[in-house]
C-alpha cells in the first residue's frame, strides 16, 4: 500500500494524532472502535523499539480486517502532504 521505507515513527505518531481527533469527533461508536482497534498497539510497539515498518504493517493488517484500510491509508496521505 505504501513504500515501507517512507514510514517512520514520527509519521505513525502523526497519523495516530489524527486518528485520536477522529475518535473524539465522531458520533459513530463503531468507527471510533475500529480506529482504536487499528491504532491501540502502536504506542507500545514504538516504545518497545519495534521497527516502524512492523508497526505500520500491524496497523494496516488490523485496518484491512476491519474494512477501513482505505481510510487508514488516506490518513497516511494526509499526514505526508503536510
N, C-alpha and C. Protein backbone atom coordinates (compact mmCIF):
# COMPACT_ATOMS: atom_id res chain seq x y z
N UNK A 1 0.82 -1.19 0.00
CA UNK A 1 0.00 0.00 0.00
C UNK A 1 0.87 1.25 0.00
N UNK A 2 2.02 1.15 0.63
CA UNK A 2 2.95 2.27 0.63
C UNK A 2 4.36 1.73 0.75
N UNK A 3 5.32 2.51 0.31
CA UNK A 3 6.71 2.10 0.42
C UNK A 3 7.09 2.08 1.89
N UNK A 4 7.47 0.89 2.42
CA UNK A 4 7.77 0.81 3.86
C UNK A 4 8.95 1.68 4.28
N UNK A 5 9.81 2.04 3.34
CA UNK A 5 10.94 2.89 3.68
C UNK A 5 10.51 4.31 4.04
N UNK A 6 9.31 4.69 3.63
CA UNK A 6 8.83 6.04 3.90
C UNK A 6 8.17 6.17 5.26
N UNK A 7 7.94 5.05 5.93
CA UNK A 7 7.25 5.08 7.23
C UNK A 7 8.27 5.27 8.35
N UNK A 8 8.01 6.25 9.18
CA UNK A 8 8.85 6.49 10.36
C UNK A 8 7.94 6.51 11.58
N UNK A 9 8.54 6.42 12.75
CA UNK A 9 7.73 6.53 13.97
C UNK A 9 7.06 7.89 14.06
N UNK A 10 7.73 8.92 13.60
CA UNK A 10 7.13 10.26 13.62
C UNK A 10 5.86 10.29 12.77
N UNK A 11 5.90 9.68 11.60
CA UNK A 11 4.71 9.64 10.74
C UNK A 11 3.60 8.85 11.41
N UNK A 12 3.94 7.70 11.99
CA UNK A 12 2.93 6.90 12.67
C UNK A 12 2.29 7.69 13.81
N UNK A 13 3.09 8.40 14.58
CA UNK A 13 2.54 9.19 15.69
C UNK A 13 1.66 10.33 15.18
N UNK A 14 2.02 10.93 14.06
CA UNK A 14 1.17 11.99 13.49
C UNK A 14 -0.16 11.41 13.01
N UNK A 15 -0.10 10.21 12.41
CA UNK A 15 -1.34 9.55 11.98
C UNK A 15 -2.18 9.20 13.21
N UNK A 16 -1.54 8.71 14.25
CA UNK A 16 -2.26 8.40 15.49
C UNK A 16 -2.94 9.65 16.05
N UNK A 17 -2.26 10.78 15.98
CA UNK A 17 -2.84 12.04 16.45
C UNK A 17 -4.12 12.35 15.69
N UNK A 18 -4.09 12.21 14.37
CA UNK A 18 -5.28 12.46 13.56
C UNK A 18 -6.38 11.45 13.90
N UNK A 19 -6.00 10.19 14.07
CA UNK A 19 -6.98 9.15 14.41
C UNK A 19 -7.64 9.45 15.75
N UNK A 20 -6.88 9.92 16.71
CA UNK A 20 -7.47 10.27 18.02
C UNK A 20 -8.43 11.44 17.90
N UNK A 21 -8.11 12.39 17.06
CA UNK A 21 -9.03 13.51 16.82
C UNK A 21 -10.31 12.99 16.18
N UNK A 22 -10.16 12.08 15.23
CA UNK A 22 -11.34 11.48 14.58
C UNK A 22 -12.19 10.72 15.59
N UNK A 23 -11.54 9.97 16.47
CA UNK A 23 -12.27 9.23 17.50
C UNK A 23 -13.05 10.20 18.39
N UNK A 24 -12.39 11.27 18.79
CA UNK A 24 -13.04 12.25 19.67
C UNK A 24 -14.20 12.94 18.97
N UNK A 25 -14.08 13.19 17.67
CA UNK A 25 -15.06 13.99 16.95
C UNK A 25 -16.26 13.20 16.43
N UNK A 26 -16.13 11.89 16.33
CA UNK A 26 -17.20 11.12 15.69
C UNK A 26 -18.34 10.80 16.65
N UNK A 27 -19.52 10.75 16.08
CA UNK A 27 -20.69 10.28 16.81
C UNK A 27 -20.91 8.79 16.54
N UNK A 28 -20.10 8.23 15.65
CA UNK A 28 -20.24 6.84 15.25
C UNK A 28 -19.35 5.96 16.14
N UNK A 29 -19.96 5.31 17.10
CA UNK A 29 -19.20 4.48 18.03
C UNK A 29 -18.46 3.35 17.32
N UNK A 30 -19.06 2.79 16.27
CA UNK A 30 -18.40 1.73 15.51
C UNK A 30 -17.11 2.21 14.87
N UNK A 31 -17.16 3.41 14.28
CA UNK A 31 -15.97 3.99 13.66
C UNK A 31 -14.90 4.23 14.73
N UNK A 32 -15.30 4.77 15.86
CA UNK A 32 -14.34 5.04 16.93
C UNK A 32 -13.68 3.75 17.40
N UNK A 33 -14.45 2.69 17.54
CA UNK A 33 -13.90 1.41 17.98
C UNK A 33 -12.94 0.83 16.96
N UNK A 34 -13.28 0.93 15.67
CA UNK A 34 -12.39 0.40 14.64
C UNK A 34 -11.07 1.16 14.61
N UNK A 35 -11.14 2.48 14.70
CA UNK A 35 -9.90 3.27 14.71
C UNK A 35 -9.06 2.94 15.95
N UNK A 36 -9.71 2.83 17.09
CA UNK A 36 -8.99 2.49 18.32
C UNK A 36 -8.34 1.11 18.18
N UNK A 37 -9.07 0.17 17.61
CA UNK A 37 -8.55 -1.19 17.43
C UNK A 37 -7.34 -1.18 16.50
N UNK A 38 -7.41 -0.40 15.44
CA UNK A 38 -6.31 -0.36 14.47
C UNK A 38 -5.04 0.26 15.06
N UNK A 39 -5.20 1.24 15.95
CA UNK A 39 -4.05 2.02 16.40
C UNK A 39 -3.60 1.76 17.84
N UNK A 40 -4.34 1.03 18.63
CA UNK A 40 -4.02 0.98 20.06
C UNK A 40 -2.68 0.32 20.39
N UNK A 41 -2.17 -0.53 19.53
CA UNK A 41 -0.87 -1.16 19.81
C UNK A 41 0.33 -0.31 19.37
N UNK A 42 0.09 0.70 18.57
CA UNK A 42 1.19 1.49 18.00
C UNK A 42 2.10 2.13 19.07
N UNK A 43 1.57 2.81 20.08
CA UNK A 43 2.48 3.43 21.06
C UNK A 43 3.38 2.41 21.76
N UNK A 44 2.82 1.28 22.13
CA UNK A 44 3.63 0.25 22.79
C UNK A 44 4.70 -0.32 21.87
N UNK A 45 4.35 -0.51 20.61
CA UNK A 45 5.32 -1.03 19.66
C UNK A 45 6.46 -0.03 19.45
N UNK A 46 6.11 1.24 19.36
CA UNK A 46 7.14 2.28 19.20
C UNK A 46 8.02 2.33 20.45
N UNK A 47 7.40 2.32 21.62
CA UNK A 47 8.15 2.39 22.89
C UNK A 47 9.06 1.18 23.07
N UNK A 48 8.67 0.03 22.55
CA UNK A 48 9.50 -1.17 22.72
C UNK A 48 10.58 -1.29 21.66
N UNK A 49 10.66 -0.31 20.76
CA UNK A 49 11.75 -0.29 19.79
C UNK A 49 11.49 -1.07 18.51
N UNK A 50 10.24 -1.44 18.27
CA UNK A 50 9.92 -2.14 17.02
C UNK A 50 10.19 -1.23 15.84
N UNK A 51 10.50 -1.83 14.72
CA UNK A 51 10.73 -1.06 13.50
C UNK A 51 9.42 -0.41 13.05
N UNK A 52 9.48 0.80 12.54
CA UNK A 52 8.27 1.48 12.09
C UNK A 52 7.49 0.67 11.05
N UNK A 53 8.21 -0.02 10.18
CA UNK A 53 7.55 -0.82 9.15
C UNK A 53 6.70 -1.93 9.78
N UNK A 54 7.20 -2.52 10.85
CA UNK A 54 6.45 -3.57 11.55
C UNK A 54 5.19 -2.99 12.19
N UNK A 55 5.33 -1.83 12.81
CA UNK A 55 4.18 -1.17 13.43
C UNK A 55 3.14 -0.82 12.38
N UNK A 56 3.57 -0.24 11.28
CA UNK A 56 2.65 0.15 10.22
C UNK A 56 1.96 -1.07 9.61
N UNK A 57 2.70 -2.15 9.43
CA UNK A 57 2.11 -3.38 8.91
C UNK A 57 1.03 -3.89 9.84
N UNK A 58 1.26 -3.85 11.14
CA UNK A 58 0.26 -4.29 12.11
C UNK A 58 -0.99 -3.42 12.03
N UNK A 59 -0.79 -2.10 11.93
CA UNK A 59 -1.93 -1.18 11.80
C UNK A 59 -2.73 -1.52 10.55
N UNK A 60 -2.04 -1.66 9.42
CA UNK A 60 -2.73 -1.95 8.17
C UNK A 60 -3.42 -3.31 8.18
N UNK A 61 -2.79 -4.30 8.78
CA UNK A 61 -3.42 -5.63 8.87
C UNK A 61 -4.74 -5.55 9.63
N UNK A 62 -4.72 -4.84 10.74
CA UNK A 62 -5.95 -4.68 11.53
C UNK A 62 -6.98 -3.87 10.75
N UNK A 63 -6.52 -2.80 10.12
CA UNK A 63 -7.44 -1.97 9.33
C UNK A 63 -8.06 -2.79 8.19
N UNK A 64 -7.27 -3.62 7.56
CA UNK A 64 -7.78 -4.47 6.47
C UNK A 64 -8.85 -5.42 7.00
N UNK A 65 -8.57 -6.03 8.13
CA UNK A 65 -9.52 -6.96 8.75
C UNK A 65 -10.84 -6.26 9.08
N UNK A 66 -10.76 -5.00 9.47
CA UNK A 66 -11.94 -4.23 9.86
C UNK A 66 -12.62 -3.52 8.69
N UNK A 67 -12.00 -3.58 7.52
CA UNK A 67 -12.58 -2.92 6.35
C UNK A 67 -12.35 -1.43 6.29
N UNK A 68 -11.30 -0.93 6.99
CA UNK A 68 -11.02 0.50 6.98
C UNK A 68 -9.62 0.80 6.45
N UNK A 69 -9.05 -0.12 5.71
CA UNK A 69 -7.69 0.07 5.20
C UNK A 69 -7.57 1.31 4.31
N UNK A 70 -8.54 1.52 3.45
CA UNK A 70 -8.50 2.69 2.57
C UNK A 70 -8.52 3.98 3.39
N UNK A 71 -9.33 4.00 4.43
CA UNK A 71 -9.40 5.19 5.28
C UNK A 71 -8.07 5.42 6.00
N UNK A 72 -7.49 4.36 6.54
CA UNK A 72 -6.21 4.50 7.24
C UNK A 72 -5.13 4.95 6.26
N UNK A 73 -5.13 4.42 5.05
CA UNK A 73 -4.16 4.86 4.04
C UNK A 73 -4.37 6.33 3.72
N UNK A 74 -5.62 6.79 3.74
CA UNK A 74 -5.87 8.21 3.48
C UNK A 74 -5.30 9.09 4.59
N UNK A 75 -5.28 8.57 5.82
CA UNK A 75 -4.66 9.30 6.91
C UNK A 75 -3.16 9.46 6.65
N UNK A 76 -2.54 8.41 6.14
CA UNK A 76 -1.12 8.48 5.78
C UNK A 76 -0.91 9.55 4.72
N UNK A 77 -1.72 9.54 3.68
CA UNK A 77 -1.60 10.55 2.61
C UNK A 77 -1.77 11.95 3.16
N UNK A 78 -2.73 12.11 4.06
CA UNK A 78 -2.99 13.41 4.68
C UNK A 78 -1.75 13.90 5.45
N UNK A 79 -1.17 13.04 6.24
CA UNK A 79 0.00 13.40 7.05
C UNK A 79 1.20 13.68 6.17
N UNK A 80 1.39 12.89 5.14
CA UNK A 80 2.55 13.08 4.26
C UNK A 80 2.42 14.35 3.42
N UNK A 81 1.21 14.81 3.19
CA UNK A 81 1.03 16.01 2.37
C UNK A 81 1.24 17.29 3.16
N UNK A 82 1.38 17.19 4.45
CA UNK A 82 1.53 18.39 5.29
C UNK A 82 2.96 18.78 5.45
